[in-house]
């Protein structure tokens, strides 16, 4: 028995090392698979969060736009404005309603863009969504400031 162990000890150790290496490799593959799944979930979450931020800004912008339209209609003689301004506001409100009605489709597209294997597509989609949100936030800031000015003017002229 001792002769057998001495004769085949190297082969037994090599076989045991090969089994351990295969096991270690299998565990690495499993860990990489889990990491990829987590990365997909994180990308999908990033896109969906940006879409939700964008939808919130769209809702706020629609509200401010509707308030401006109502204010201009309520005080037409007090506040000077042009027909083109009213048309612009109605056009903006229609566009915002369209964007608001597409929320569910945007979420589905966001899940597809964020959950896929193409990281470049994910980054492009995320950048596009962020650019649109930044533009909408700038527009919201402008419309809010203008609405506040109109509201002050209406209060001053009404009293």
N, C-alpha and C. Protein backbone atom coordinates (compact mmCIF):
# COMPACT_ATOMS: atom_id res chain seq x y z
N UNK A 1 0.82 -1.18 0.00
CA UNK A 1 0.00 0.00 0.00
C UNK A 1 0.87 1.26 0.00
N UNK A 2 1.92 1.23 0.82
CA UNK A 2 2.81 2.38 0.88
C UNK A 2 3.52 2.54 -0.45
N UNK A 3 3.91 1.43 -1.06
CA UNK A 3 4.54 1.51 -2.37
C UNK A 3 3.59 2.10 -3.40
N UNK A 4 2.34 1.71 -3.32
CA UNK A 4 1.32 2.23 -4.24
C UNK A 4 1.18 3.74 -4.07
N UNK A 5 1.10 4.20 -2.81
CA UNK A 5 0.98 5.63 -2.54
C UNK A 5 2.21 6.38 -3.01
N UNK A 6 3.39 5.81 -2.77
CA UNK A 6 4.61 6.47 -3.20
C UNK A 6 4.67 6.54 -4.72
N UNK A 7 4.25 5.48 -5.36
CA UNK A 7 4.34 5.40 -6.81
C UNK A 7 3.35 6.37 -7.48
N UNK A 8 2.14 6.48 -6.92
CA UNK A 8 1.11 7.29 -7.57
C UNK A 8 0.76 8.56 -6.80
N UNK A 9 1.57 8.95 -5.84
CA UNK A 9 1.29 10.15 -5.04
C UNK A 9 1.24 11.40 -5.91
N UNK A 10 2.18 11.52 -6.82
CA UNK A 10 2.21 12.69 -7.69
C UNK A 10 0.96 12.77 -8.55
N UNK A 11 0.52 11.62 -9.08
CA UNK A 11 -0.69 11.61 -9.90
C UNK A 11 -1.92 11.94 -9.08
N UNK A 12 -1.98 11.43 -7.84
CA UNK A 12 -3.12 11.72 -6.96
C UNK A 12 -3.18 13.21 -6.61
N UNK A 13 -2.03 13.76 -6.30
CA UNK A 13 -1.98 15.19 -5.97
C UNK A 13 -2.36 16.02 -7.20
N UNK A 14 -1.86 15.65 -8.36
CA UNK A 14 -2.20 16.37 -9.59
C UNK A 14 -3.69 16.27 -9.90
N UNK A 15 -4.27 15.09 -9.70
CA UNK A 15 -5.70 14.92 -9.94
C UNK A 15 -6.52 15.76 -8.96
N UNK A 16 -6.10 15.75 -7.70
CA UNK A 16 -6.79 16.56 -6.70
C UNK A 16 -6.68 18.05 -7.03
N UNK A 17 -5.50 18.49 -7.48
CA UNK A 17 -5.30 19.89 -7.87
C UNK A 17 -6.18 20.25 -9.07
N UNK A 18 -6.29 19.33 -10.03
CA UNK A 18 -7.14 19.58 -11.20
C UNK A 18 -8.60 19.71 -10.80
N UNK A 19 -9.04 18.86 -9.88
CA UNK A 19 -10.43 18.93 -9.40
C UNK A 19 -10.67 20.26 -8.69
N UNK A 20 -9.73 20.68 -7.84
CA UNK A 20 -9.87 21.96 -7.13
C UNK A 20 -9.86 23.14 -8.10
N UNK A 21 -9.01 23.06 -9.13
CA UNK A 21 -8.95 24.13 -10.13
C UNK A 21 -10.26 24.22 -10.90
N UNK A 22 -10.82 23.08 -11.26
CA UNK A 22 -12.11 23.07 -11.97
C UNK A 22 -13.21 23.64 -11.09
N UNK A 23 -13.20 23.29 -9.82
CA UNK A 23 -14.19 23.82 -8.88
C UNK A 23 -14.05 25.33 -8.73
N UNK A 24 -12.81 25.79 -8.61
CA UNK A 24 -12.57 27.23 -8.50
C UNK A 24 -13.02 27.96 -9.76
N UNK A 25 -12.73 27.38 -10.91
CA UNK A 25 -13.15 27.99 -12.17
C UNK A 25 -14.68 28.06 -12.26
N UNK A 26 -15.35 27.00 -11.86
CA UNK A 26 -16.82 26.98 -11.89
C UNK A 26 -17.38 28.07 -10.98
N UNK A 27 -16.77 28.25 -9.80
CA UNK A 27 -17.24 29.29 -8.88
C UNK A 27 -17.02 30.69 -9.46
N UNK A 28 -15.91 30.89 -10.15
CA UNK A 28 -15.64 32.18 -10.79
C UNK A 28 -16.68 32.46 -11.87
N UNK A 29 -16.99 31.46 -12.68
CA UNK A 29 -17.99 31.62 -13.74
C UNK A 29 -19.35 31.97 -13.12
N UNK A 30 -19.72 31.30 -12.04
CA UNK A 30 -20.99 31.59 -11.37
C UNK A 30 -20.99 33.02 -10.81
N UNK A 31 -19.88 33.43 -10.22
CA UNK A 31 -19.79 34.78 -9.66
C UNK A 31 -19.89 35.83 -10.77
N UNK A 32 -19.22 35.59 -11.90
CA UNK A 32 -19.30 36.53 -13.02
C UNK A 32 -20.72 36.61 -13.56
N UNK A 33 -21.41 35.51 -13.61
CA UNK A 33 -22.79 35.49 -14.08
C UNK A 33 -23.67 36.34 -13.15
N UNK A 34 -23.46 36.18 -11.85
CA UNK A 34 -24.24 36.97 -10.88
C UNK A 34 -23.92 38.46 -11.00
N UNK A 35 -22.65 38.78 -11.23
CA UNK A 35 -22.25 40.18 -11.40
C UNK A 35 -22.93 40.77 -12.63
N UNK A 36 -22.96 40.03 -13.73
CA UNK A 36 -23.63 40.52 -14.95
C UNK A 36 -25.11 40.75 -14.70
N UNK A 37 -25.74 39.85 -13.97
CA UNK A 37 -27.17 40.02 -13.65
C UNK A 37 -27.38 41.28 -12.82
N UNK A 38 -26.51 41.50 -11.84
CA UNK A 38 -26.62 42.70 -11.01
C UNK A 38 -26.36 43.96 -11.81
N UNK A 39 -25.40 43.91 -12.73
CA UNK A 39 -25.11 45.07 -13.56
C UNK A 39 -26.29 45.41 -14.47
N UNK A 40 -26.93 44.39 -15.02
CA UNK A 40 -28.13 44.62 -15.84
C UNK A 40 -29.23 45.27 -15.01
N UNK A 41 -29.43 44.76 -13.82
CA UNK A 41 -30.47 45.33 -12.95
C UNK A 41 -30.14 46.78 -12.59
N UNK A 42 -28.88 47.05 -12.35
CA UNK A 42 -28.47 48.42 -12.02
C UNK A 42 -28.67 49.35 -13.21
N UNK A 43 -28.30 48.89 -14.41
CA UNK A 43 -28.51 49.71 -15.61
C UNK A 43 -30.00 49.98 -15.82
N UNK A 44 -30.82 48.95 -15.67
CA UNK A 44 -32.26 49.11 -15.84
C UNK A 44 -32.81 50.11 -14.82
N UNK A 45 -32.33 50.00 -13.59
CA UNK A 45 -32.78 50.93 -12.54
C UNK A 45 -32.35 52.35 -12.86
N UNK A 46 -31.12 52.54 -13.34
CA UNK A 46 -30.65 53.88 -13.71
C UNK A 46 -31.57 54.52 -14.74
N UNK A 47 -31.90 53.77 -15.77
CA UNK A 47 -32.75 54.29 -16.84
C UNK A 47 -34.15 54.59 -16.31
N UNK A 48 -34.70 53.69 -15.53
CA UNK A 48 -36.06 53.89 -15.01
C UNK A 48 -36.13 55.08 -14.05
N UNK A 49 -35.10 55.28 -13.25
CA UNK A 49 -35.08 56.43 -12.34
C UNK A 49 -35.03 57.73 -13.15
N UNK A 50 -34.20 57.77 -14.18
CA UNK A 50 -34.14 58.97 -15.03
C UNK A 50 -35.48 59.23 -15.71
N UNK A 51 -36.13 58.18 -16.16
CA UNK A 51 -37.45 58.33 -16.79
C UNK A 51 -38.45 58.89 -15.79
N UNK A 52 -38.40 58.41 -14.55
CA UNK A 52 -39.32 58.93 -13.53
C UNK A 52 -39.04 60.39 -13.22
N UNK A 53 -37.75 60.77 -13.13
CA UNK A 53 -37.41 62.19 -12.95
C UNK A 53 -37.97 63.02 -14.10
N UNK A 54 -37.76 62.52 -15.31
CA UNK A 54 -38.25 63.22 -16.50
C UNK A 54 -39.77 63.37 -16.45
N UNK A 55 -40.47 62.30 -16.09
CA UNK A 55 -41.93 62.36 -16.02
C UNK A 55 -42.40 63.34 -14.95
N UNK A 56 -41.68 63.43 -13.86
CA UNK A 56 -42.03 64.41 -12.82
C UNK A 56 -41.87 65.83 -13.34
N UNK A 57 -40.79 66.08 -14.07
CA UNK A 57 -40.57 67.41 -14.64
C UNK A 57 -41.64 67.73 -15.67
N UNK A 58 -42.01 66.75 -16.48
CA UNK A 58 -43.07 66.95 -17.47
C UNK A 58 -44.37 67.33 -16.78
N UNK A 59 -44.70 66.65 -15.70
CA UNK A 59 -45.92 66.97 -14.96
C UNK A 59 -45.90 68.38 -14.39
N UNK A 60 -44.77 68.77 -13.81
CA UNK A 60 -44.64 70.13 -13.25
C UNK A 60 -44.73 71.18 -14.35
N UNK A 61 -44.06 70.91 -15.48
CA UNK A 61 -44.09 71.86 -16.59
C UNK A 61 -45.50 71.98 -17.16
N UNK A 62 -46.21 70.88 -17.26
CA UNK A 62 -47.60 70.94 -17.74
C UNK A 62 -48.47 71.75 -16.79
N UNK A 63 -48.26 71.59 -15.50
CA UNK A 63 -49.03 72.34 -14.51
C UNK A 63 -48.76 73.83 -14.63
N UNK A 64 -47.49 74.22 -14.71
CA UNK A 64 -47.14 75.64 -14.81
C UNK A 64 -47.68 76.22 -16.12
N UNK A 65 -47.58 75.46 -17.19
CA UNK A 65 -48.10 75.94 -18.49
C UNK A 65 -49.61 76.13 -18.42
N UNK A 66 -50.31 75.19 -17.84
CA UNK A 66 -51.77 75.32 -17.70
C UNK A 66 -52.12 76.51 -16.80
N UNK A 67 -51.35 76.72 -15.75
CA UNK A 67 -51.60 77.87 -14.87
C UNK A 67 -51.38 79.18 -15.62
N UNK A 68 -50.35 79.23 -16.45
CA UNK A 68 -50.11 80.44 -17.24
C UNK A 68 -51.26 80.71 -18.20
N UNK A 69 -51.73 79.66 -18.86
CA UNK A 69 -52.86 79.82 -19.79
C UNK A 69 -54.08 80.34 -19.04
N UNK A 70 -54.36 79.74 -17.90
CA UNK A 70 -55.53 80.17 -17.12
C UNK A 70 -55.38 81.63 -16.67
N UNK A 71 -54.19 82.00 -16.22
CA UNK A 71 -53.95 83.37 -15.77
C UNK A 71 -54.12 84.35 -16.92
N UNK A 72 -53.59 84.01 -18.08
CA UNK A 72 -53.72 84.91 -19.23
C UNK A 72 -55.17 85.01 -19.70
N UNK A 73 -55.92 83.92 -19.59
CA UNK A 73 -57.33 83.97 -19.99
C UNK A 73 -58.17 84.72 -18.96
N UNK A 74 -57.80 84.61 -17.70
CA UNK A 74 -58.59 85.26 -16.65
C UNK A 74 -58.38 86.78 -16.63
N UNK A 75 -57.18 87.22 -16.96
CA UNK A 75 -56.86 88.65 -16.94
C UNK A 75 -56.36 89.12 -18.31
N UNK A 76 -57.17 89.03 -19.35
CA UNK A 76 -56.68 89.40 -20.68
C UNK A 76 -56.41 90.90 -20.82
N UNK A 77 -57.17 91.71 -20.12
CA UNK A 77 -56.96 93.16 -20.26
C UNK A 77 -55.85 93.65 -19.36
N UNK A 78 -55.60 92.95 -18.28
CA UNK A 78 -54.58 93.37 -17.32
C UNK A 78 -53.18 92.99 -17.81
N UNK A 79 -53.07 91.80 -18.36
CA UNK A 79 -51.76 91.30 -18.81
C UNK A 79 -51.69 91.38 -20.33
N UNK A 80 -50.65 92.02 -20.79
CA UNK A 80 -50.50 92.10 -22.25
C UNK A 80 -49.77 90.85 -22.74
N UNK A 81 -50.34 90.23 -23.75
CA UNK A 81 -49.72 89.05 -24.37
C UNK A 81 -50.23 88.97 -25.79
N UNK A 82 -49.52 88.22 -26.57
CA UNK A 82 -49.89 88.10 -27.98
C UNK A 82 -50.58 86.77 -28.22
N UNK A 83 -51.26 86.71 -29.36
CA UNK A 83 -51.88 85.44 -29.73
C UNK A 83 -50.84 84.35 -29.95
N UNK A 84 -49.68 84.76 -30.44
CA UNK A 84 -48.62 83.76 -30.66
C UNK A 84 -48.15 83.15 -29.33
N UNK A 85 -48.15 83.95 -28.27
CA UNK A 85 -47.79 83.42 -26.95
C UNK A 85 -48.81 82.40 -26.49
N UNK A 86 -50.08 82.68 -26.70
CA UNK A 86 -51.14 81.75 -26.30
C UNK A 86 -51.05 80.48 -27.15
N UNK A 87 -50.79 80.63 -28.43
CA UNK A 87 -50.64 79.45 -29.30
C UNK A 87 -49.44 78.62 -28.86
N UNK A 88 -48.36 79.30 -28.51
CA UNK A 88 -47.16 78.60 -28.06
C UNK A 88 -47.45 77.81 -26.78
N UNK A 89 -48.16 78.43 -25.86
CA UNK A 89 -48.49 77.74 -24.60
C UNK A 89 -49.40 76.54 -24.85
N UNK A 90 -50.40 76.71 -25.71
CA UNK A 90 -51.29 75.58 -26.02
C UNK A 90 -50.52 74.46 -26.73
N UNK A 91 -49.62 74.84 -27.63
CA UNK A 91 -48.81 73.85 -28.33
C UNK A 91 -47.91 73.10 -27.34
N UNK A 92 -47.28 73.85 -26.42
CA UNK A 92 -46.45 73.20 -25.40
C UNK A 92 -47.27 72.26 -24.53
N UNK A 93 -48.46 72.70 -24.15
CA UNK A 93 -49.31 71.87 -23.30
C UNK A 93 -49.72 70.59 -24.02
N UNK A 94 -50.04 70.70 -25.31
CA UNK A 94 -50.38 69.50 -26.09
C UNK A 94 -49.20 68.54 -26.16
N UNK A 95 -48.01 69.09 -26.39
CA UNK A 95 -46.81 68.26 -26.46
C UNK A 95 -46.55 67.58 -25.11
N UNK A 96 -46.73 68.31 -24.02
CA UNK A 96 -46.53 67.74 -22.69
C UNK A 96 -47.56 66.66 -22.37
N UNK A 97 -48.78 66.87 -22.81
CA UNK A 97 -49.82 65.84 -22.62
C UNK A 97 -49.44 64.57 -23.38
N UNK A 98 -48.92 64.74 -24.58
CA UNK A 98 -48.49 63.59 -25.37
C UNK A 98 -47.37 62.84 -24.65
N UNK A 99 -46.38 63.59 -24.16
CA UNK A 99 -45.29 62.95 -23.42
C UNK A 99 -45.80 62.25 -22.17
N UNK A 100 -46.74 62.88 -21.49
CA UNK A 100 -47.30 62.29 -20.26
C UNK A 100 -48.07 61.01 -20.59
N UNK A 101 -48.75 61.00 -21.72
CA UNK A 101 -49.52 59.79 -22.09
C UNK A 101 -48.60 58.64 -22.52
N UNK A 102 -47.36 58.94 -22.82
CA UNK A 102 -46.41 57.92 -23.26
C UNK A 102 -45.54 57.39 -22.13
N UNK A 103 -45.89 57.70 -20.89
CA UNK A 103 -45.06 57.29 -19.75
C UNK A 103 -44.84 55.78 -19.69
N UNK A 104 -45.90 55.02 -19.86
CA UNK A 104 -45.78 53.56 -19.74
C UNK A 104 -44.89 53.00 -20.85
N UNK A 105 -45.04 53.53 -22.06
CA UNK A 105 -44.18 53.08 -23.17
C UNK A 105 -42.73 53.42 -22.88
N UNK A 106 -42.49 54.61 -22.31
CA UNK A 106 -41.12 55.00 -21.98
C UNK A 106 -40.53 54.06 -20.94
N UNK A 107 -41.32 53.67 -19.97
CA UNK A 107 -40.82 52.74 -18.95
C UNK A 107 -40.44 51.40 -19.59
N UNK A 108 -41.30 50.92 -20.48
CA UNK A 108 -41.01 49.64 -21.14
C UNK A 108 -39.74 49.73 -21.98
N UNK A 109 -39.60 50.83 -22.72
CA UNK A 109 -38.39 51.01 -23.51
C UNK A 109 -37.16 51.15 -22.61
N UNK A 110 -37.34 51.83 -21.49
CA UNK A 110 -36.25 51.97 -20.53
C UNK A 110 -35.81 50.64 -19.97
N UNK A 111 -36.77 49.77 -19.69
CA UNK A 111 -36.42 48.45 -19.18
C UNK A 111 -35.67 47.65 -20.24
N UNK A 112 -36.09 47.79 -21.49
CA UNK A 112 -35.40 47.07 -22.56
C UNK A 112 -33.98 47.61 -22.76
N UNK A 113 -33.85 48.93 -22.75
CA UNK A 113 -32.53 49.53 -22.96
C UNK A 113 -31.60 49.25 -21.79
N UNK A 114 -32.14 49.24 -20.58
CA UNK A 114 -31.30 49.03 -19.41
C UNK A 114 -31.03 47.57 -19.12
N UNK A 115 -31.89 46.68 -19.58
CA UNK A 115 -31.74 45.27 -19.23
C UNK A 115 -31.00 44.45 -20.25
N UNK A 116 -30.64 45.05 -21.37
CA UNK A 116 -29.95 44.29 -22.41
C UNK A 116 -28.48 44.10 -22.12
N UNK A 117 -27.83 43.39 -23.02
CA UNK A 117 -26.40 43.13 -22.86
C UNK A 117 -25.53 44.24 -23.43
N UNK A 118 -26.12 45.11 -24.25
CA UNK A 118 -25.35 46.15 -24.91
C UNK A 118 -25.20 47.35 -23.98
N UNK A 119 -24.02 47.49 -23.39
CA UNK A 119 -23.77 48.57 -22.44
C UNK A 119 -23.73 49.92 -23.17
N UNK A 120 -23.23 49.95 -24.39
CA UNK A 120 -23.18 51.19 -25.16
C UNK A 120 -24.58 51.71 -25.42
N UNK A 121 -25.49 50.84 -25.79
CA UNK A 121 -26.88 51.24 -26.00
C UNK A 121 -27.47 51.80 -24.72
N UNK A 122 -27.17 51.17 -23.61
CA UNK A 122 -27.66 51.66 -22.32
C UNK A 122 -27.15 53.07 -22.05
N UNK A 123 -25.86 53.30 -22.23
CA UNK A 123 -25.29 54.62 -21.96
C UNK A 123 -25.86 55.68 -22.90
N UNK A 124 -26.08 55.32 -24.16
CA UNK A 124 -26.68 56.27 -25.10
C UNK A 124 -28.11 56.60 -24.69
N UNK A 125 -28.88 55.60 -24.34
CA UNK A 125 -30.27 55.84 -23.92
C UNK A 125 -30.31 56.68 -22.65
N UNK A 126 -29.45 56.38 -21.71
CA UNK A 126 -29.41 57.14 -20.46
C UNK A 126 -29.01 58.59 -20.72
N UNK A 127 -28.03 58.80 -21.59
CA UNK A 127 -27.61 60.16 -21.92
C UNK A 127 -28.73 60.93 -22.61
N UNK A 128 -29.44 60.29 -23.53
CA UNK A 128 -30.56 60.95 -24.21
C UNK A 128 -31.66 61.34 -23.22
N UNK A 129 -31.98 60.44 -22.31
CA UNK A 129 -33.02 60.72 -21.32
C UNK A 129 -32.59 61.87 -20.42
N UNK A 130 -31.32 61.88 -20.01
CA UNK A 130 -30.83 62.96 -19.15
C UNK A 130 -30.81 64.29 -19.89
N UNK A 131 -30.41 64.29 -21.16
CA UNK A 131 -30.41 65.54 -21.93
C UNK A 131 -31.81 66.12 -22.02
N UNK A 132 -32.79 65.26 -22.32
CA UNK A 132 -34.17 65.73 -22.41
C UNK A 132 -34.65 66.26 -21.06
N UNK A 133 -34.30 65.58 -19.99
CA UNK A 133 -34.71 66.04 -18.66
C UNK A 133 -34.09 67.39 -18.34
N UNK A 134 -32.82 67.58 -18.68
CA UNK A 134 -32.15 68.86 -18.42
C UNK A 134 -32.83 69.97 -19.20
N UNK A 135 -33.16 69.72 -20.46
CA UNK A 135 -33.88 70.73 -21.26
C UNK A 135 -35.24 71.04 -20.66
N UNK A 136 -35.95 70.00 -20.24
CA UNK A 136 -37.27 70.21 -19.63
C UNK A 136 -37.16 70.97 -18.32
N UNK A 137 -36.12 70.69 -17.53
CA UNK A 137 -35.93 71.42 -16.28
C UNK A 137 -35.63 72.89 -16.55
N UNK A 138 -34.83 73.17 -17.57
CA UNK A 138 -34.55 74.57 -17.93
C UNK A 138 -35.83 75.26 -18.38
N UNK A 139 -36.62 74.58 -19.19
CA UNK A 139 -37.89 75.14 -19.64
C UNK A 139 -38.83 75.36 -18.46
N UNK A 140 -38.85 74.42 -17.52
CA UNK A 140 -39.68 74.56 -16.32
C UNK A 140 -39.26 75.79 -15.52
N UNK A 141 -37.97 75.99 -15.37
CA UNK A 141 -37.46 77.15 -14.65
C UNK A 141 -37.89 78.45 -15.34
N UNK A 142 -37.76 78.50 -16.65
CA UNK A 142 -38.16 79.70 -17.40
C UNK A 142 -39.66 79.95 -17.28
N UNK A 143 -40.45 78.92 -17.47
CA UNK A 143 -41.91 79.08 -17.41
C UNK A 143 -42.36 79.45 -15.99
N UNK A 144 -41.72 78.88 -14.98
CA UNK A 144 -42.08 79.20 -13.60
C UNK A 144 -41.76 80.66 -13.29
N UNK A 145 -40.58 81.12 -13.71
CA UNK A 145 -40.22 82.52 -13.49
C UNK A 145 -41.18 83.46 -14.22
N UNK A 146 -41.49 83.14 -15.45
CA UNK A 146 -42.40 83.99 -16.23
C UNK A 146 -43.79 83.98 -15.61
N UNK A 147 -44.25 82.82 -15.15
CA UNK A 147 -45.56 82.73 -14.50
C UNK A 147 -45.58 83.58 -13.22
N UNK A 148 -44.50 83.53 -12.45
CA UNK A 148 -44.43 84.34 -11.23
C UNK A 148 -44.49 85.82 -11.55
N UNK A 149 -43.80 86.23 -12.61
CA UNK A 149 -43.84 87.64 -13.03
C UNK A 149 -45.25 88.04 -13.46
N UNK A 150 -45.90 87.17 -14.23
CA UNK A 150 -47.26 87.46 -14.67
C UNK A 150 -48.22 87.53 -13.48
N UNK A 151 -48.05 86.64 -12.54
CA UNK A 151 -48.91 86.62 -11.36
C UNK A 151 -48.73 87.90 -10.55
N UNK A 152 -47.50 88.34 -10.38
CA UNK A 152 -47.24 89.60 -9.67
C UNK A 152 -47.85 90.78 -10.42
N UNK A 153 -47.70 90.79 -11.73
CA UNK A 153 -48.27 91.87 -12.54
C UNK A 153 -49.79 91.88 -12.42
N UNK A 154 -50.40 90.71 -12.42
CA UNK A 154 -51.86 90.62 -12.30
C UNK A 154 -52.31 91.11 -10.93
N UNK A 155 -51.56 90.78 -9.89
CA UNK A 155 -51.90 91.24 -8.54
C UNK A 155 -51.75 92.76 -8.42
N UNK A 156 -50.67 93.28 -9.00
CA UNK A 156 -50.43 94.72 -8.93
C UNK A 156 -51.50 95.51 -9.67
N UNK A 157 -51.88 95.04 -10.85
CA UNK A 157 -52.86 95.76 -11.66
C UNK A 157 -54.28 95.54 -11.16
N UNK A 158 -54.50 94.44 -10.46
CA UNK A 158 -55.84 94.12 -9.96
C UNK A 158 -56.18 94.95 -8.73
N UNK A 159 -55.15 95.37 -8.01
CA UNK A 159 -55.43 96.13 -6.78
C UNK A 159 -55.47 97.60 -6.98
